[in-house]
Amino acid sequence: MARRYVGETLDRMPPEVCQTAVLLVSELATNVVRHSGAREFVVELDDRPDEGLLWIGVTDSGTGLPVLRPPSLTAEHGRGMQLVATLADRWGAGRRRGATDKTVWFELRYA
C-alpha cells in the first residue's frame, strides 16, 4: 500500500524520481514491518518544487532506530538502509521532542 500511495501521488514527477521514491519507501515500510514491532505506520510526502526537493518520511511507534551496517555477502536481507543511503540525497531518523514515535526519512533532489 505504501508503494502504491507514493507511486500514485508522484505520478507527475520525473519517472526516475518516482521510481526511486517508490523503491525507498518500500524499504522503509518493510523495515517497520520486520524490525520495529509497530502495528502500523504513516507515510508523509512533502514536495517542494521551487526547491526541486522531495521529502518522504515513514513514522511508526517502534523503539529502535535504523542502523546502517554492511550485510554479509551471503545474507538474504539487510540491504534496505544501504539502498536508502546510496540512492537518497540525504536521509536520517529521529524522534520529535517529547514524542515516542520515530520517523525515518529521505530526500531526493530533482530538476
PDB file of N, CA and C in Angstrom:
ATOM      1  N   MET A   1       0.817  -1.195   0.000  1.00  0.00           N
ATOM      2  CA  MET A   1       0.000   0.000   0.000  1.00  0.00           C
ATOM      3  C   MET A   1       0.863   1.263   0.000  1.00  0.00           C
ATOM      4  N   ALA A   2       1.989   1.216   0.730  1.00  0.00           N
ATOM      5  CA  ALA A   2       2.875   2.382   0.768  1.00  0.00           C
ATOM      6  C   ALA A   2       3.457   2.658  -0.620  1.00  0.00           C
ATOM      7  N   ARG A   3       3.861   1.610  -1.306  1.00  0.00           N
ATOM      8  CA  ARG A   3       4.405   1.767  -2.662  1.00  0.00           C
ATOM      9  C   ARG A   3       3.357   2.395  -3.586  1.00  0.00           C
ATOM     10  N   ARG A   4       2.150   1.877  -3.544  1.00  0.00           N
ATOM     11  CA  ARG A   4       1.086   2.368  -4.419  1.00  0.00           C
ATOM     12  C   ARG A   4       0.775   3.828  -4.112  1.00  0.00           C
ATOM     13  N   TYR A   5       0.669   4.157  -2.818  1.00  0.00           N
ATOM     14  CA  TYR A   5       0.380   5.527  -2.407  1.00  0.00           C
ATOM     15  C   TYR A   5       1.425   6.496  -2.966  1.00  0.00           C
ATOM     16  N   VAL A   6       2.687   6.168  -2.795  1.00  0.00           N
ATOM     17  CA  VAL A   6       3.758   7.055  -3.272  1.00  0.00           C
ATOM     18  C   VAL A   6       3.753   7.120  -4.796  1.00  0.00           C
ATOM     19  N   GLY A   7       3.625   5.979  -5.453  1.00  0.00           N
ATOM     20  CA  GLY A   7       3.610   5.965  -6.914  1.00  0.00           C
ATOM     21  C   GLY A   7       2.472   6.775  -7.502  1.00  0.00           C
ATOM     22  N   GLU A   8       1.291   6.633  -6.931  1.00  0.00           N
ATOM     23  CA  GLU A   8       0.132   7.381  -7.432  1.00  0.00           C
ATOM     24  C   GLU A   8       0.232   8.865  -7.113  1.00  0.00           C
ATOM     25  N   THR A   9       0.762   9.193  -5.954  1.00  0.00           N
ATOM     26  CA  THR A   9       0.895  10.601  -5.564  1.00  0.00           C
ATOM     27  C   THR A   9       1.935  11.320  -6.412  1.00  0.00           C
ATOM     28  N   LEU A  10       2.976  10.605  -6.804  1.00  0.00           N
ATOM     29  CA  LEU A  10       4.089  11.215  -7.538  1.00  0.00           C
ATOM     30  C   LEU A  10       4.034  10.921  -9.031  1.00  0.00           C
ATOM     31  N   ASP A  11       2.887  10.571  -9.550  1.00  0.00           N
ATOM     32  CA  ASP A  11       2.800  10.141 -10.947  1.00  0.00           C
ATOM     33  C   ASP A  11       3.185  11.224 -11.955  1.00  0.00           C
ATOM     34  N   ARG A  12       3.220  12.475 -11.534  1.00  0.00           N
ATOM     35  CA  ARG A  12       3.606  13.562 -12.453  1.00  0.00           C
ATOM     36  C   ARG A  12       5.064  13.980 -12.293  1.00  0.00           C
ATOM     37  N   MET A  13       5.759  13.319 -11.392  1.00  0.00           N
ATOM     38  CA  MET A  13       7.191  13.592 -11.198  1.00  0.00           C
ATOM     39  C   MET A  13       7.986  12.942 -12.331  1.00  0.00           C
ATOM     40  N   PRO A  14       9.231  13.351 -12.512  1.00  0.00           N
ATOM     41  CA  PRO A  14      10.077  12.625 -13.462  1.00  0.00           C
ATOM     42  C   PRO A  14      10.117  11.139 -13.077  1.00  0.00           C
ATOM     43  N   PRO A  15      10.049  10.247 -14.057  1.00  0.00           N
ATOM     44  CA  PRO A  15       9.957   8.811 -13.752  1.00  0.00           C
ATOM     45  C   PRO A  15      11.062   8.294 -12.839  1.00  0.00           C
ATOM     46  N   GLU A  16      12.277   8.762 -13.010  1.00  0.00           N
ATOM     47  CA  GLU A  16      13.370   8.260 -12.171  1.00  0.00           C
ATOM     48  C   GLU A  16      13.194   8.671 -10.707  1.00  0.00           C
ATOM     49  N   VAL A  17      12.635   9.843 -10.465  1.00  0.00           N
ATOM     50  CA  VAL A  17      12.370  10.282  -9.093  1.00  0.00           C
ATOM     51  C   VAL A  17      11.256   9.446  -8.488  1.00  0.00           C
ATOM     52  N   CYS A  18      10.184   9.249  -9.250  1.00  0.00           N
ATOM     53  CA  CYS A  18       9.063   8.455  -8.766  1.00  0.00           C
ATOM     54  C   CYS A  18       9.497   7.020  -8.466  1.00  0.00           C
ATOM     55  N   GLN A  19      10.235   6.402  -9.376  1.00  0.00           N
ATOM     56  CA  GLN A  19      10.677   5.020  -9.180  1.00  0.00           C
ATOM     57  C   GLN A  19      11.605   4.886  -7.980  1.00  0.00           C
ATOM     58  N   THR A  20      12.507   5.834  -7.809  1.00  0.00           N
ATOM     59  CA  THR A  20      13.417   5.789  -6.657  1.00  0.00           C
ATOM     60  C   THR A  20      12.638   5.983  -5.361  1.00  0.00           C
ATOM     61  N   ALA A  21      11.704   6.913  -5.353  1.00  0.00           N
ATOM     62  CA  ALA A  21      10.893   7.151  -4.151  1.00  0.00           C
ATOM     63  C   ALA A  21      10.089   5.913  -3.786  1.00  0.00           C
ATOM     64  N   VAL A  22       9.492   5.257  -4.772  1.00  0.00           N
ATOM     65  CA  VAL A  22       8.709   4.051  -4.517  1.00  0.00           C
ATOM     66  C   VAL A  22       9.603   2.952  -3.943  1.00  0.00           C
ATOM     67  N   LEU A  23      10.773   2.759  -4.515  1.00  0.00           N
ATOM     68  CA  LEU A  23      11.699   1.739  -4.011  1.00  0.00           C
ATOM     69  C   LEU A  23      12.103   2.028  -2.568  1.00  0.00           C
ATOM     70  N   LEU A  24      12.472   3.275  -2.280  1.00  0.00           N
ATOM     71  CA  LEU A  24      12.965   3.601  -0.944  1.00  0.00           C
ATOM     72  C   LEU A  24      11.864   3.559   0.104  1.00  0.00           C
ATOM     73  N   VAL A  25      10.655   4.013  -0.230  1.00  0.00           N
ATOM     74  CA  VAL A  25       9.572   3.932   0.749  1.00  0.00           C
ATOM     75  C   VAL A  25       9.220   2.470   1.003  1.00  0.00           C
ATOM     76  N   SER A  26       9.343   1.639  -0.005  1.00  0.00           N
ATOM     77  CA  SER A  26       9.105   0.211   0.182  1.00  0.00           C
ATOM     78  C   SER A  26      10.112  -0.378   1.169  1.00  0.00           C
ATOM     79  N   GLU A  27      11.354   0.023   1.067  1.00  0.00           N
ATOM     80  CA  GLU A  27      12.385  -0.458   2.004  1.00  0.00           C
ATOM     81  C   GLU A  27      12.086   0.010   3.425  1.00  0.00           C
ATOM     82  N   LEU A  28      11.691   1.271   3.582  1.00  0.00           N
ATOM     83  CA  LEU A  28      11.404   1.774   4.927  1.00  0.00           C
ATOM     84  C   LEU A  28      10.159   1.110   5.512  1.00  0.00           C
ATOM     85  N   ALA A  29       9.139   0.910   4.687  1.00  0.00           N
ATOM     86  CA  ALA A  29       7.929   0.238   5.167  1.00  0.00           C
ATOM     87  C   ALA A  29       8.237  -1.208   5.553  1.00  0.00           C
ATOM     88  N   THR A  30       9.058  -1.871   4.780  1.00  0.00           N
ATOM     89  CA  THR A  30       9.456  -3.247   5.110  1.00  0.00           C
ATOM     90  C   THR A  30      10.194  -3.288   6.433  1.00  0.00           C
ATOM     91  N   ASN A  31      11.047  -2.308   6.677  1.00  0.00           N
ATOM     92  CA  ASN A  31      11.767  -2.251   7.956  1.00  0.00           C
ATOM     93  C   ASN A  31      10.799  -2.114   9.131  1.00  0.00           C
ATOM     94  N   VAL A  32       9.764  -1.310   8.959  1.00  0.00           N
ATOM     95  CA  VAL A  32       8.767  -1.174  10.029  1.00  0.00           C
ATOM     96  C   VAL A  32       8.145  -2.530  10.322  1.00  0.00           C
ATOM     97  N   VAL A  33       7.703  -3.206   9.286  1.00  0.00           N
ATOM     98  CA  VAL A  33       7.016  -4.485   9.453  1.00  0.00           C
ATOM     99  C   VAL A  33       7.938  -5.543  10.058  1.00  0.00           C
ATOM    100  N   ARG A  34       9.174  -5.595   9.605  1.00  0.00           N
ATOM    101  CA  ARG A  34      10.101  -6.651  10.055  1.00  0.00           C
ATOM    102  C   ARG A  34      10.795  -6.367  11.375  1.00  0.00           C
ATOM    103  N   HIS A  35      11.088  -5.103  11.649  1.00  0.00           N
ATOM    104  CA  HIS A  35      12.004  -4.821  12.755  1.00  0.00           C
ATOM    105  C   HIS A  35      11.439  -3.977  13.891  1.00  0.00           C
ATOM    106  N   SER A  36      10.410  -3.183  13.640  1.00  0.00           N
ATOM    107  CA  SER A  36      10.026  -2.206  14.663  1.00  0.00           C
ATOM    108  C   SER A  36       9.062  -2.744  15.711  1.00  0.00           C
ATOM    109  N   GLY A  37       8.298  -3.752  15.360  1.00  0.00           N
ATOM    110  CA  GLY A  37       7.274  -4.224  16.280  1.00  0.00           C
ATOM    111  C   GLY A  37       6.015  -3.377  16.255  1.00  0.00           C
ATOM    112  N   ALA A  38       6.005  -2.319  15.448  1.00  0.00           N
ATOM    113  CA  ALA A  38       4.826  -1.457  15.348  1.00  0.00           C
ATOM    114  C   ALA A  38       3.770  -2.141  14.491  1.00  0.00           C
ATOM    115  N   ARG A  39       2.528  -1.888  14.814  1.00  0.00           N
ATOM    116  CA  ARG A  39       1.427  -2.492  14.051  1.00  0.00           C
ATOM    117  C   ARG A  39       1.035  -1.652  12.846  1.00  0.00           C
ATOM    118  N   GLU A  40       1.345  -0.378  12.863  1.00  0.00           N
ATOM    119  CA  GLU A  40       1.007   0.483  11.738  1.00  0.00           C
ATOM    120  C   GLU A  40       2.057   1.565  11.582  1.00  0.00           C
ATOM    121  N   PHE A  41       1.994   2.246  10.443  1.00  0.00           N
ATOM    122  CA  PHE A  41       2.931   3.336  10.169  1.00  0.00           C
ATOM    123  C   PHE A  41       2.246   4.345   9.259  1.00  0.00           C
ATOM    124  N   VAL A  42       2.845   5.522   9.177  1.00  0.00           N
ATOM    125  CA  VAL A  42       2.318   6.609   8.358  1.00  0.00           C
ATOM    126  C   VAL A  42       3.403   7.032   7.378  1.00  0.00           C
ATOM    127  N   VAL A  43       3.010   7.230   6.126  1.00  0.00           N
ATOM    128  CA  VAL A  43       3.921   7.737   5.100  1.00  0.00           C
ATOM    129  C   VAL A  43       3.535   9.182   4.806  1.00  0.00           C
ATOM    130  N   GLU A  44       4.508  10.080   4.904  1.00  0.00           N
ATOM    131  CA  GLU A  44       4.283  11.500   4.625  1.00  0.00           C
ATOM    132  C   GLU A  44       5.148  11.921   3.448  1.00  0.00           C
ATOM    133  N   LEU A  45       4.610  12.755   2.584  1.00  0.00           N
ATOM    134  CA  LEU A  45       5.351  13.304   1.454  1.00  0.00           C
ATOM    135  C   LEU A  45       5.309  14.815   1.517  1.00  0.00           C
ATOM    136  N   ASP A  46       6.426  15.438   1.218  1.00  0.00           N
ATOM    137  CA  ASP A  46       6.491  16.894   1.139  1.00  0.00           C
ATOM    138  C   ASP A  46       7.276  17.244  -0.123  1.00  0.00           C
ATOM    139  N   ASP A  47       6.564  17.644  -1.166  1.00  0.00           N
ATOM    140  CA  ASP A  47       7.185  18.028  -2.427  1.00  0.00           C
ATOM    141  C   ASP A  47       7.363  19.531  -2.428  1.00  0.00           C
ATOM    142  N   ARG A  48       8.582  19.966  -2.655  1.00  0.00           N
ATOM    143  CA  ARG A  48       8.892  21.396  -2.719  1.00  0.00           C
ATOM    144  C   ARG A  48       9.433  21.722  -4.113  1.00  0.00           C
ATOM    145  N   PRO A  49       8.545  21.885  -5.093  1.00  0.00           N
ATOM    146  CA  PRO A  49       9.000  22.078  -6.471  1.00  0.00           C
ATOM    147  C   PRO A  49       9.891  23.301  -6.668  1.00  0.00           C
ATOM    148  N   ASP A  50       9.661  24.363  -5.912  1.00  0.00           N
ATOM    149  CA  ASP A  50      10.506  25.554  -6.045  1.00  0.00           C
ATOM    150  C   ASP A  50      11.949  25.257  -5.669  1.00  0.00           C
ATOM    151  N   GLU A  51      12.143  24.282  -4.779  1.00  0.00           N
ATOM    152  CA  GLU A  51      13.481  23.890  -4.344  1.00  0.00           C
ATOM    153  C   GLU A  51      13.982  22.645  -5.075  1.00  0.00           C
ATOM    154  N   GLY A  52      13.101  21.992  -5.841  1.00  0.00           N
ATOM    155  CA  GLY A  52      13.480  20.741  -6.501  1.00  0.00           C
ATOM    156  C   GLY A  52      13.783  19.659  -5.485  1.00  0.00           C
ATOM    157  N   LEU A  53      12.946  19.588  -4.428  1.00  0.00           N
ATOM    158  CA  LEU A  53      13.212  18.686  -3.318  1.00  0.00           C
ATOM    159  C   LEU A  53      11.959  17.905  -2.941  1.00  0.00           C
ATOM    160  N   LEU A  54      12.125  16.613  -2.817  1.00  0.00           N
ATOM    161  CA  LEU A  54      11.062  15.737  -2.344  1.00  0.00           C
ATOM    162  C   LEU A  54      11.529  15.113  -1.036  1.00  0.00           C
ATOM    163  N   TRP A  55      10.714  15.269   0.018  1.00  0.00           N
ATOM    164  CA  TRP A  55      10.981  14.674   1.330  1.00  0.00           C
ATOM    165  C   TRP A  55       9.908  13.636   1.592  1.00  0.00           C
ATOM    166  N   ILE A  56      10.329  12.439   2.009  1.00  0.00           N
ATOM    167  CA  ILE A  56       9.381  11.385   2.370  1.00  0.00           C
ATOM    168  C   ILE A  56       9.804  10.824   3.716  1.00  0.00           C
ATOM    169  N   GLY A  57       8.834  10.698   4.624  1.00  0.00           N
ATOM    170  CA  GLY A  57       9.089  10.134   5.946  1.00  0.00           C
ATOM    171  C   GLY A  57       8.137   8.988   6.237  1.00  0.00           C
ATOM    172  N   VAL A  58       8.642   7.993   6.935  1.00  0.00           N
ATOM    173  CA  VAL A  58       7.833   6.870   7.399  1.00  0.00           C
ATOM    174  C   VAL A  58       7.904   6.888   8.926  1.00  0.00           C
ATOM    175  N   THR A  59       6.758   7.065   9.575  1.00  0.00           N
ATOM    176  CA  THR A  59       6.692   7.210  11.026  1.00  0.00           C
ATOM    177  C   THR A  59       5.993   6.007  11.635  1.00  0.00           C
ATOM    178  N   ASP A  60       6.585   5.485  12.711  1.00  0.00           N
ATOM    179  CA  ASP A  60       5.984   4.359  13.430  1.00  0.00           C
ATOM    180  C   ASP A  60       6.285   4.496  14.914  1.00  0.00           C
ATOM    181  N   SER A  61       5.715   3.609  15.698  1.00  0.00           N
ATOM    182  CA  SER A  61       5.887   3.678  17.150  1.00  0.00           C
ATOM    183  C   SER A  61       6.921   2.682  17.668  1.00  0.00           C
ATOM    184  N   GLY A  62       7.711   2.101  16.782  1.00  0.00           N
ATOM    185  CA  GLY A  62       8.740   1.146  17.206  1.00  0.00           C
ATOM    186  C   GLY A  62       9.820   1.804  18.042  1.00  0.00           C
ATOM    187  N   THR A  63      10.542   0.991  18.783  1.00  0.00           N
ATOM    188  CA  THR A  63      11.511   1.529  19.727  1.00  0.00           C
ATOM    189  C   THR A  63      12.880   1.815  19.123  1.00  0.00           C
ATOM    190  N   GLY A  64      13.329   1.014  18.194  1.00  0.00           N
ATOM    191  CA  GLY A  64      14.688   1.167  17.681  1.00  0.00           C
ATOM    192  C   GLY A  64      14.792   2.143  16.535  1.00  0.00           C
ATOM    193  N   LEU A  65      16.016   2.609  16.305  1.00  0.00           N
ATOM    194  CA  LEU A  65      16.328   3.447  15.158  1.00  0.00           C
ATOM    195  C   LEU A  65      17.129   2.613  14.161  1.00  0.00           C
ATOM    196  N   PRO A  66      17.029   2.904  12.869  1.00  0.00           N
ATOM    197  CA  PRO A  66      17.784   2.114  11.895  1.00  0.00           C
ATOM    198  C   PRO A  66      19.281   2.322  12.054  1.00  0.00           C
ATOM    199  N   VAL A  67      20.011   1.275  11.753  1.00  0.00           N
ATOM    200  CA  VAL A  67      21.472   1.317  11.809  1.00  0.00           C
ATOM    201  C   VAL A  67      21.990   0.946  10.436  1.00  0.00           C
ATOM    202  N   LEU A  68      22.861   1.769   9.903  1.00  0.00           N
ATOM    203  CA  LEU A  68      23.457   1.495   8.608  1.00  0.00           C
ATOM    204  C   LEU A  68      24.674   0.609   8.829  1.00  0.00           C
ATOM    205  N   ARG A  69      24.564  -0.633   8.384  1.00  0.00           N
ATOM    206  CA  ARG A  69      25.684  -1.555   8.511  1.00  0.00           C
ATOM    207  C   ARG A  69      25.723  -2.443   7.273  1.00  0.00           C
ATOM    208  N   PRO A  70      26.913  -2.831   6.878  1.00  0.00           N
ATOM    209  CA  PRO A  70      27.004  -3.685   5.689  1.00  0.00           C
ATOM    210  C   PRO A  70      26.542  -5.108   6.011  1.00  0.00           C
ATOM    211  N   PRO A  71      25.691  -5.670   5.132  1.00  0.00           N
ATOM    212  CA  PRO A  71      25.271  -7.056   5.350  1.00  0.00           C
ATOM    213  C   PRO A  71      26.391  -8.010   4.934  1.00  0.00           C
ATOM    214  N   SER A  72      26.350  -9.222   5.432  1.00  0.00           N
ATOM    215  CA  SER A  72      27.313 -10.207   4.960  1.00  0.00           C
ATOM    216  C   SER A  72      27.003 -10.529   3.502  1.00  0.00           C
ATOM    217  N   LEU A  73      27.974 -11.010   2.780  1.00  0.00           N
ATOM    218  CA  LEU A  73      27.795 -11.285   1.362  1.00  0.00           C
ATOM    219  C   LEU A  73      26.731 -12.337   1.092  1.00  0.00           C
ATOM    220  N   THR A  74      26.525 -13.241   2.021  1.00  0.00           N
ATOM    221  CA  THR A  74      25.564 -14.326   1.817  1.00  0.00           C
ATOM    222  C   THR A  74      24.196 -14.034   2.428  1.00  0.00           C
ATOM    223  N   ALA A  75      24.049 -12.916   3.098  1.00  0.00           N
ATOM    224  CA  ALA A  75      22.767 -12.583   3.735  1.00  0.00           C
ATOM    225  C   ALA A  75      21.694 -12.330   2.687  1.00  0.00           C
ATOM    226  N   GLU A  76      20.491 -12.848   2.932  1.00  0.00           N
ATOM    227  CA  GLU A  76      19.371 -12.621   2.026  1.00  0.00           C
ATOM    228  C   GLU A  76      18.678 -11.295   2.306  1.00  0.00           C
ATOM    229  N   HIS A  77      18.890 -10.714   3.473  1.00  0.00           N
ATOM    230  CA  HIS A  77      18.243  -9.467   3.878  1.00  0.00           C
ATOM    231  C   HIS A  77      19.312  -8.513   4.387  1.00  0.00           C
ATOM    232  N   GLY A  78      18.894  -7.295   4.702  1.00  0.00           N
ATOM    233  CA  GLY A  78      19.803  -6.359   5.350  1.00  0.00           C
ATOM    234  C   GLY A  78      20.393  -5.301   4.449  1.00  0.00           C
ATOM    235  N   ARG A  79      19.834  -5.135   3.273  1.00  0.00           N
ATOM    236  CA  ARG A  79      20.384  -4.138   2.357  1.00  0.00           C
ATOM    237  C   ARG A  79      19.486  -2.908   2.190  1.00  0.00           C
ATOM    238  N   GLY A  80      18.370  -2.859   2.881  1.00  0.00           N
ATOM    239  CA  GLY A  80      17.419  -1.768   2.712  1.00  0.00           C
ATOM    240  C   GLY A  80      17.986  -0.402   3.038  1.00  0.00           C
ATOM    241  N   MET A  81      18.620  -0.271   4.169  1.00  0.00           N
ATOM    242  CA  MET A  81      19.168   1.023   4.550  1.00  0.00           C
ATOM    243  C   MET A  81      20.386   1.371   3.693  1.00  0.00           C
ATOM    244  N   GLN A  82      21.095   0.370   3.190  1.00  0.00           N
ATOM    245  CA  GLN A  82      22.183   0.635   2.242  1.00  0.00           C
ATOM    246  C   GLN A  82      21.626   1.266   0.969  1.00  0.00           C
ATOM    247  N   LEU A  83      20.483   0.741   0.498  1.00  0.00           N
ATOM    248  CA  LEU A  83      19.831   1.337  -0.673  1.00  0.00           C
ATOM    249  C   LEU A  83      19.412   2.775  -0.395  1.00  0.00           C
ATOM    250  N   VAL A  84      18.822   2.992   0.751  1.00  0.00           N
ATOM    251  CA  VAL A  84      18.395   4.348   1.111  1.00  0.00           C
ATOM    252  C   VAL A  84      19.602   5.283   1.144  1.00  0.00           C
ATOM    253  N   ALA A  85      20.670   4.863   1.795  1.00  0.00           N
ATOM    254  CA  ALA A  85      21.866   5.703   1.913  1.00  0.00           C
ATOM    255  C   ALA A  85      22.512   5.969   0.556  1.00  0.00           C
ATOM    256  N   THR A  86      22.433   5.013  -0.339  1.00  0.00           N
ATOM    257  CA  THR A  86      23.061   5.153  -1.653  1.00  0.00           C
ATOM    258  C   THR A  86      22.226   6.000  -2.604  1.00  0.00           C
ATOM    259  N   LEU A  87      20.918   5.787  -2.625  1.00  0.00           N
ATOM    260  CA  LEU A  87      20.071   6.434  -3.627  1.00  0.00           C
ATOM    261  C   LEU A  87      19.502   7.786  -3.193  1.00  0.00           C
ATOM    262  N   ALA A  88      19.351   8.007  -1.904  1.00  0.00           N
ATOM    263  CA  ALA A  88      18.805   9.283  -1.422  1.00  0.00           C
ATOM    264  C   ALA A  88      19.905  10.343  -1.378  1.00  0.00           C
ATOM    265  N   ASP A  89      19.510  11.587  -1.553  1.00  0.00           N
ATOM    266  CA  ASP A  89      20.470  12.681  -1.421  1.00  0.00           C
ATOM    267  C   ASP A  89      20.810  12.933   0.043  1.00  0.00           C
ATOM    268  N   ARG A  90      19.826  12.731   0.906  1.00  0.00           N
ATOM    269  CA  ARG A  90      20.022  12.800   2.363  1.00  0.00           C
ATOM    270  C   ARG A  90      19.023  11.849   2.988  1.00  0.00           C
ATOM    271  N   TRP A  91      19.338  11.365   4.193  1.00  0.00           N
ATOM    272  CA  TRP A  91      18.380  10.562   4.936  1.00  0.00           C
ATOM    273  C   TRP A  91      18.712  10.698   6.416  1.00  0.00           C
ATOM    274  N   GLY A  92      17.776  10.316   7.245  1.00  0.00           N
ATOM    275  CA  GLY A  92      18.004  10.378   8.676  1.00  0.00           C
ATOM    276  C   GLY A  92      16.861   9.711   9.419  1.00  0.00           C
ATOM    277  N   ALA A  93      16.983   9.708  10.722  1.00  0.00           N
ATOM    278  CA  ALA A  93      15.958   9.109  11.577  1.00  0.00           C
ATOM    279  C   ALA A  93      15.989   9.806  12.918  1.00  0.00           C
ATOM    280  N   GLY A  94      14.832   9.916  13.530  1.00  0.00           N
ATOM    281  CA  GLY A  94      14.794  10.524  14.850  1.00  0.00           C
ATOM    282  C   GLY A  94      13.395  10.586  15.404  1.00  0.00           C
ATOM    283  N   ARG A  95      13.331  11.059  16.620  1.00  0.00           N
ATOM    284  CA  ARG A  95      12.062  11.255  17.307  1.00  0.00           C
ATOM    285  C   ARG A  95      11.893  12.746  17.564  1.00  0.00           C
ATOM    286  N   ARG A  96      10.680  13.200  17.451  1.00  0.00           N
ATOM    287  CA  ARG A  96      10.407  14.590  17.798  1.00  0.00           C
ATOM    288  C   ARG A  96      10.469  14.731  19.306  1.00  0.00           C
ATOM    289  N   ARG A  97      10.866  15.867  19.751  1.00  0.00           N
ATOM    290  CA  ARG A  97      10.993  16.122  21.186  1.00  0.00           C
ATOM    291  C   ARG A  97       9.682  15.803  21.903  1.00  0.00           C
ATOM    292  N   GLY A  98       9.766  14.973  22.911  1.00  0.00           N
ATOM    293  CA  GLY A  98       8.600  14.616  23.703  1.00  0.00           C
ATOM    294  C   GLY A  98       7.698  13.577  23.065  1.00  0.00           C
ATOM    295  N   ALA A  99       8.089  13.032  21.913  1.00  0.00           N
ATOM    296  CA  ALA A  99       7.249  12.049  21.222  1.00  0.00           C
ATOM    297  C   ALA A  99       7.864  10.656  21.336  1.00  0.00           C
ATOM    298  N   THR A 100       7.036   9.658  21.255  1.00  0.00           N
ATOM    299  CA  THR A 100       7.541   8.293  21.257  1.00  0.00           C
ATOM    300  C   THR A 100       7.692   7.746  19.838  1.00  0.00           C
ATOM    301  N   ASP A 101       6.960   8.316  18.883  1.00  0.00           N
ATOM    302  CA  ASP A 101       7.062   7.856  17.503  1.00  0.00           C
ATOM    303  C   ASP A 101       8.392   8.293  16.893  1.00  0.00           C
ATOM    304  N   LYS A 102       8.872   7.478  15.969  1.00  0.00           N
ATOM    305  CA  LYS A 102      10.089   7.837  15.242  1.00  0.00           C
ATOM    306  C   LYS A 102       9.763   7.985  13.771  1.00  0.00           C
ATOM    307  N   THR A 103      10.537   8.811  13.095  1.00  0.00           N
ATOM    308  CA  THR A 103      10.399   8.988  11.655  1.00  0.00           C
ATOM    309  C   THR A 103      11.741   8.703  11.008  1.00  0.00           C
ATOM    310  N   VAL A 104      11.707   7.845  10.007  1.00  0.00           N
ATOM    311  CA  VAL A 104      12.860   7.614   9.146  1.00  0.00           C
ATOM    312  C   VAL A 104      12.509   8.295   7.828  1.00  0.00           C
ATOM    313  N   TRP A 105      13.403   9.130   7.337  1.00  0.00           N
ATOM    314  CA  TRP A 105      13.088   9.974   6.197  1.00  0.00           C
ATOM    315  C   TRP A 105      14.217   9.976   5.182  1.00  0.00           C
ATOM    316  N   PHE A 106      13.870  10.389   3.983  1.00  0.00           N
ATOM    317  CA  PHE A 106      14.884  10.608   2.943  1.00  0.00           C
ATOM    318  C   PHE A 106      14.468  11.769   2.061  1.00  0.00           C
ATOM    319  N   GLU A 107      15.456  12.342   1.383  1.00  0.00           N
ATOM    320  CA  GLU A 107      15.225  13.428   0.447  1.00  0.00           C
ATOM    321  C   GLU A 107      15.782  13.047  -0.924  1.00  0.00           C
ATOM    322  N   LEU A 108      15.050  13.441  -1.943  1.00  0.00           N
ATOM    323  CA  LEU A 108      15.501  13.290  -3.321  1.00  0.00           C
ATOM    324  C   LEU A 108      15.447  14.658  -3.993  1.00  0.00           C
ATOM    325  N   ARG A 109      16.511  15.021  -4.653  1.00  0.00           N
ATOM    326  CA  ARG A 109      16.550  16.278  -5.402  1.00  0.00           C
ATOM    327  C   ARG A 109      16.200  15.990  -6.861  1.00  0.00           C
ATOM    328  N   TYR A 110      15.521  16.924  -7.480  1.00  0.00           N
ATOM    329  CA  TYR A 110      15.173  16.780  -8.893  1.00  0.00           C
ATOM    330  C   TYR A 110      15.165  18.156  -9.542  1.00  0.00           C
ATOM    331  N   ALA A 111      15.241  18.160 -10.857  1.00  0.00           N
ATOM    332  CA  ALA A 111      15.255  19.437 -11.599  1.00  0.00           C
ATOM    333  C   ALA A 111      13.895  19.727 -12.176  1.00  0.00           C
TER     334      ALA A 111
END
